Amino acid sequence: MALLENIFGWNGWSEAGYRTKSGTLYTGIHALTAFISDLKVSHPNYQEQEIPF
């Protein structure tokens, strides 16, 4: 299946998992950590805040 474009404004998600900007595909919990890592790089203000889960 094609990538799901702009989920909440973010590219990279598909049924298979999350593909980082470097092209690596991650699945499961690793997909979430890769997504957060990309988020921190593209939006540096998130590095300064704690986001509770």
PDB file of N, CA and C in Angstrom:
ATOM      1  N   MET A   1       0.850  -1.184   0.000  1.00  0.00           N
ATOM      2  CA  MET A   1       0.000   0.000   0.000  1.00  0.00           C
ATOM      3  C   MET A   1       0.893   1.244   0.000  1.00  0.00           C
ATOM      4  N   ALA A   2       0.433   2.265  -0.639  1.00  0.00           N
ATOM      5  CA  ALA A   2       1.193   3.520  -0.712  1.00  0.00           C
ATOM      6  C   ALA A   2       1.284   4.170   0.662  1.00  0.00           C
ATOM      7  N   LEU A   3       2.292   5.007   0.801  1.00  0.00           N
ATOM      8  CA  LEU A   3       2.438   5.735   2.066  1.00  0.00           C
ATOM      9  C   LEU A   3       1.194   6.554   2.356  1.00  0.00           C
ATOM     10  N   LEU A   4       0.822   6.593   3.586  1.00  0.00           N
ATOM     11  CA  LEU A   4      -0.288   7.439   4.005  1.00  0.00           C
ATOM     12  C   LEU A   4       0.259   8.848   4.143  1.00  0.00           C
ATOM     13  N   GLU A   5      -0.119   9.720   3.251  1.00  0.00           N
ATOM     14  CA  GLU A   5       0.456  11.062   3.204  1.00  0.00           C
ATOM     15  C   GLU A   5      -0.060  11.940   4.331  1.00  0.00           C
ATOM     16  N   ASN A   6       0.864  12.618   4.947  1.00  0.00           N
ATOM     17  CA  ASN A   6       0.572  13.679   5.906  1.00  0.00           C
ATOM     18  C   ASN A   6      -0.367  13.275   7.036  1.00  0.00           C
ATOM     19  N   ILE A   7      -0.072  12.185   7.708  1.00  0.00           N
ATOM     20  CA  ILE A   7      -0.828  11.854   8.916  1.00  0.00           C
ATOM     21  C   ILE A   7      -0.448  12.885   9.962  1.00  0.00           C
ATOM     22  N   PHE A   8      -1.384  13.670  10.375  1.00  0.00           N
ATOM     23  CA  PHE A   8      -1.142  14.757  11.316  1.00  0.00           C
ATOM     24  C   PHE A   8      -0.019  15.666  10.831  1.00  0.00           C
ATOM     25  N   GLY A   9       0.115  15.797   9.506  1.00  0.00           N
ATOM     26  CA  GLY A   9       1.135  16.661   8.930  1.00  0.00           C
ATOM     27  C   GLY A   9       2.490  15.996   8.736  1.00  0.00           C
ATOM     28  N   TRP A  10       2.575  14.674   8.908  1.00  0.00           N
ATOM     29  CA  TRP A  10       3.865  13.976   8.799  1.00  0.00           C
ATOM     30  C   TRP A  10       3.815  12.910   7.730  1.00  0.00           C
ATOM     31  N   ASN A  11       4.834  12.881   6.890  1.00  0.00           N
ATOM     32  CA  ASN A  11       4.991  11.814   5.905  1.00  0.00           C
ATOM     33  C   ASN A  11       5.786  10.681   6.525  1.00  0.00           C
ATOM     34  N   GLY A  12       5.762   9.524   5.891  1.00  0.00           N
ATOM     35  CA  GLY A  12       6.606   8.418   6.315  1.00  0.00           C
ATOM     36  C   GLY A  12       5.862   7.211   6.857  1.00  0.00           C
ATOM     37  N   TRP A  13       4.592   7.363   7.207  1.00  0.00           N
ATOM     38  CA  TRP A  13       3.844   6.251   7.785  1.00  0.00           C
ATOM     39  C   TRP A  13       3.201   5.406   6.697  1.00  0.00           C
ATOM     40  N   SER A  14       3.207   4.096   6.878  1.00  0.00           N
ATOM     41  CA  SER A  14       2.509   3.162   6.001  1.00  0.00           C
ATOM     42  C   SER A  14       2.012   2.008   6.862  1.00  0.00           C
ATOM     43  N   GLU A  15       1.320   1.075   6.242  1.00  0.00           N
ATOM     44  CA  GLU A  15       0.871  -0.095   6.997  1.00  0.00           C
ATOM     45  C   GLU A  15       2.055  -0.902   7.520  1.00  0.00           C
ATOM     46  N   ALA A  16       3.198  -0.787   6.842  1.00  0.00           N
ATOM     47  CA  ALA A  16       4.390  -1.537   7.246  1.00  0.00           C
ATOM     48  C   ALA A  16       5.089  -0.921   8.451  1.00  0.00           C
ATOM     49  N   GLY A  17       4.922   0.375   8.670  1.00  0.00           N
ATOM     50  CA  GLY A  17       5.591   1.050   9.778  1.00  0.00           C
ATOM     51  C   GLY A  17       5.928   2.485   9.419  1.00  0.00           C
ATOM     52  N   TYR A  18       7.037   2.974   9.948  1.00  0.00           N
ATOM     53  CA  TYR A  18       7.470   4.351   9.707  1.00  0.00           C
ATOM     54  C   TYR A  18       8.801   4.347   8.976  1.00  0.00           C
ATOM     55  N   ARG A  19       8.872   5.080   7.863  1.00  0.00           N
ATOM     56  CA  ARG A  19      10.111   5.212   7.100  1.00  0.00           C
ATOM     57  C   ARG A  19      10.701   6.581   7.395  1.00  0.00           C
ATOM     58  N   THR A  20      11.921   6.587   7.937  1.00  0.00           N
ATOM     59  CA  THR A  20      12.590   7.834   8.296  1.00  0.00           C
ATOM     60  C   THR A  20      13.006   8.594   7.048  1.00  0.00           C
ATOM     61  N   LYS A  21      13.423   9.828   7.264  1.00  0.00           N
ATOM     62  CA  LYS A  21      13.878  10.650   6.145  1.00  0.00           C
ATOM     63  C   LYS A  21      15.095  10.039   5.466  1.00  0.00           C
ATOM     64  N   SER A  22      15.868   9.235   6.191  1.00  0.00           N
ATOM     65  CA  SER A  22      17.043   8.575   5.608  1.00  0.00           C
ATOM     66  C   SER A  22      16.664   7.324   4.817  1.00  0.00           C
ATOM     67  N   GLY A  23      15.393   6.892   4.930  1.00  0.00           N
ATOM     68  CA  GLY A  23      14.916   5.754   4.153  1.00  0.00           C
ATOM     69  C   GLY A  23      14.807   4.445   4.907  1.00  0.00           C
ATOM     70  N   THR A  24      15.185   4.424   6.172  1.00  0.00           N
ATOM     71  CA  THR A  24      15.114   3.202   6.968  1.00  0.00           C
ATOM     72  C   THR A  24      13.683   2.971   7.431  1.00  0.00           C
ATOM     73  N   LEU A  25      13.195   1.727   7.283  1.00  0.00           N
ATOM     74  CA  LEU A  25      11.847   1.373   7.712  1.00  0.00           C
ATOM     75  C   LEU A  25      11.897   0.782   9.115  1.00  0.00           C
ATOM     76  N   TYR A  26      11.080   1.327  10.012  1.00  0.00           N
ATOM     77  CA  TYR A  26      10.977   0.836  11.388  1.00  0.00           C
ATOM     78  C   TYR A  26       9.554   0.363  11.640  1.00  0.00           C
ATOM     79  N   THR A  27       9.413  -0.655  12.487  1.00  0.00           N
ATOM     80  CA  THR A  27       8.097  -1.179  12.840  1.00  0.00           C
ATOM     81  C   THR A  27       7.937  -1.180  14.354  1.00  0.00           C
ATOM     82  N   GLY A  28       6.702  -1.328  14.796  1.00  0.00           N
ATOM     83  CA  GLY A  28       6.409  -1.440  16.219  1.00  0.00           C
ATOM     84  C   GLY A  28       6.868  -0.229  17.016  1.00  0.00           C
ATOM     85  N   ILE A  29       7.356  -0.496  18.214  1.00  0.00           N
ATOM     86  CA  ILE A  29       7.795   0.579  19.103  1.00  0.00           C
ATOM     87  C   ILE A  29       8.970   1.331  18.497  1.00  0.00           C
ATOM     88  N   HIS A  30       9.756   0.657  17.674  1.00  0.00           N
ATOM     89  CA  HIS A  30      10.893   1.313  17.024  1.00  0.00           C
ATOM     90  C   HIS A  30      10.415   2.377  16.035  1.00  0.00           C
ATOM     91  N   ALA A  31       9.246   2.160  15.440  1.00  0.00           N
ATOM     92  CA  ALA A  31       8.679   3.168  14.538  1.00  0.00           C
ATOM     93  C   ALA A  31       8.338   4.436  15.313  1.00  0.00           C
ATOM     94  N   LEU A  32       7.808   4.278  16.499  1.00  0.00           N
ATOM     95  CA  LEU A  32       7.472   5.448  17.319  1.00  0.00           C
ATOM     96  C   LEU A  32       8.719   6.212  17.747  1.00  0.00           C
ATOM     97  N   THR A  33       9.753   5.492  18.145  1.00  0.00           N
ATOM     98  CA  THR A  33      10.974   6.182  18.563  1.00  0.00           C
ATOM     99  C   THR A  33      11.650   6.878  17.386  1.00  0.00           C
ATOM    100  N   ALA A  34      11.613   6.265  16.201  1.00  0.00           N
ATOM    101  CA  ALA A  34      12.187   6.904  15.009  1.00  0.00           C
ATOM    102  C   ALA A  34      11.390   8.144  14.633  1.00  0.00           C
ATOM    103  N   PHE A  35      10.055   8.063  14.752  1.00  0.00           N
ATOM    104  CA  PHE A  35       9.200   9.209  14.459  1.00  0.00           C
ATOM    105  C   PHE A  35       9.515  10.366  15.408  1.00  0.00           C
ATOM    106  N   ILE A  36       9.643  10.071  16.697  1.00  0.00           N
ATOM    107  CA  ILE A  36       9.948  11.113  17.685  1.00  0.00           C
ATOM    108  C   ILE A  36      11.321  11.715  17.407  1.00  0.00           C
ATOM    109  N   SER A  37      12.260  10.878  17.017  1.00  0.00           N
ATOM    110  CA  SER A  37      13.591  11.376  16.679  1.00  0.00           C
ATOM    111  C   SER A  37      13.527  12.337  15.493  1.00  0.00           C
ATOM    112  N   ASP A  38      12.788  11.974  14.442  1.00  0.00           N
ATOM    113  CA  ASP A  38      12.610  12.871  13.292  1.00  0.00           C
ATOM    114  C   ASP A  38      11.898  14.151  13.712  1.00  0.00           C
ATOM    115  N   LEU A  39      10.924  14.031  14.597  1.00  0.00           N
ATOM    116  CA  LEU A  39      10.187  15.192  15.084  1.00  0.00           C
ATOM    117  C   LEU A  39      11.124  16.166  15.789  1.00  0.00           C
ATOM    118  N   LYS A  40      12.005  15.642  16.623  1.00  0.00           N
ATOM    119  CA  LYS A  40      12.941  16.500  17.353  1.00  0.00           C
ATOM    120  C   LYS A  40      13.906  17.214  16.416  1.00  0.00           C
ATOM    121  N   VAL A  41      14.316  16.547  15.339  1.00  0.00           N
ATOM    122  CA  VAL A  41      15.233  17.165  14.379  1.00  0.00           C
ATOM    123  C   VAL A  41      14.524  18.252  13.584  1.00  0.00           C
ATOM    124  N   SER A  42      13.293  17.972  13.154  1.00  0.00           N
ATOM    125  CA  SER A  42      12.584  18.930  12.307  1.00  0.00           C
ATOM    126  C   SER A  42      11.932  20.062  13.097  1.00  0.00           C
ATOM    127  N   HIS A  43      11.713  19.865  14.385  1.00  0.00           N
ATOM    128  CA  HIS A  43      11.101  20.880  15.246  1.00  0.00           C
ATOM    129  C   HIS A  43      11.891  20.951  16.555  1.00  0.00           C
ATOM    130  N   PRO A  44      13.011  21.656  16.562  1.00  0.00           N
ATOM    131  CA  PRO A  44      13.905  21.677  17.733  1.00  0.00           C
ATOM    132  C   PRO A  44      13.242  22.111  19.038  1.00  0.00           C
ATOM    133  N   ASN A  45      12.146  22.858  18.980  1.00  0.00           N
ATOM    134  CA  ASN A  45      11.495  23.287  20.222  1.00  0.00           C
ATOM    135  C   ASN A  45      10.959  22.100  21.019  1.00  0.00           C
ATOM    136  N   TYR A  46      10.728  20.942  20.378  1.00  0.00           N
ATOM    137  CA  TYR A  46      10.278  19.757  21.106  1.00  0.00           C
ATOM    138  C   TYR A  46      11.388  19.180  21.974  1.00  0.00           C
ATOM    139  N   GLN A  47      12.640  19.483  21.668  1.00  0.00           N
ATOM    140  CA  GLN A  47      13.748  18.983  22.472  1.00  0.00           C
ATOM    141  C   GLN A  47      13.774  19.634  23.844  1.00  0.00           C
ATOM    142  N   GLU A  48      13.191  20.805  23.962  1.00  0.00           N
ATOM    143  CA  GLU A  48      13.240  21.549  25.214  1.00  0.00           C
ATOM    144  C   GLU A  48      12.070  21.246  26.131  1.00  0.00           C
ATOM    145  N   GLN A  49      11.091  20.509  25.643  1.00  0.00           N
ATOM    146  CA  GLN A  49       9.885  20.256  26.419  1.00  0.00           C
ATOM    147  C   GLN A  49       9.780  18.772  26.744  1.00  0.00           C
ATOM    148  N   GLU A  50       9.263  18.467  27.915  1.00  0.00           N
ATOM    149  CA  GLU A  50       8.918  17.092  28.228  1.00  0.00           C
ATOM    150  C   GLU A  50       7.486  16.884  27.787  1.00  0.00           C
ATOM    151  N   ILE A  51       7.258  15.783  27.102  1.00  0.00           N
ATOM    152  CA  ILE A  51       5.917  15.468  26.629  1.00  0.00           C
ATOM    153  C   ILE A  51       5.443  14.241  27.401  1.00  0.00           C
ATOM    154  N   PRO A  52       4.516  14.412  28.339  1.00  0.00           N
ATOM    155  CA  PRO A  52       4.053  13.268  29.140  1.00  0.00           C
ATOM    156  C   PRO A  52       3.184  12.324  28.317  1.00  0.00           C
ATOM    157  N   PHE A  53       3.306  11.043  28.599  1.00  0.00           N
ATOM    158  CA  PHE A  53       2.468  10.035  27.947  1.00  0.00           C
ATOM    159  C   PHE A  53       1.614   9.362  28.976  1.00  0.00           C
TER     160      PHE A  53
END
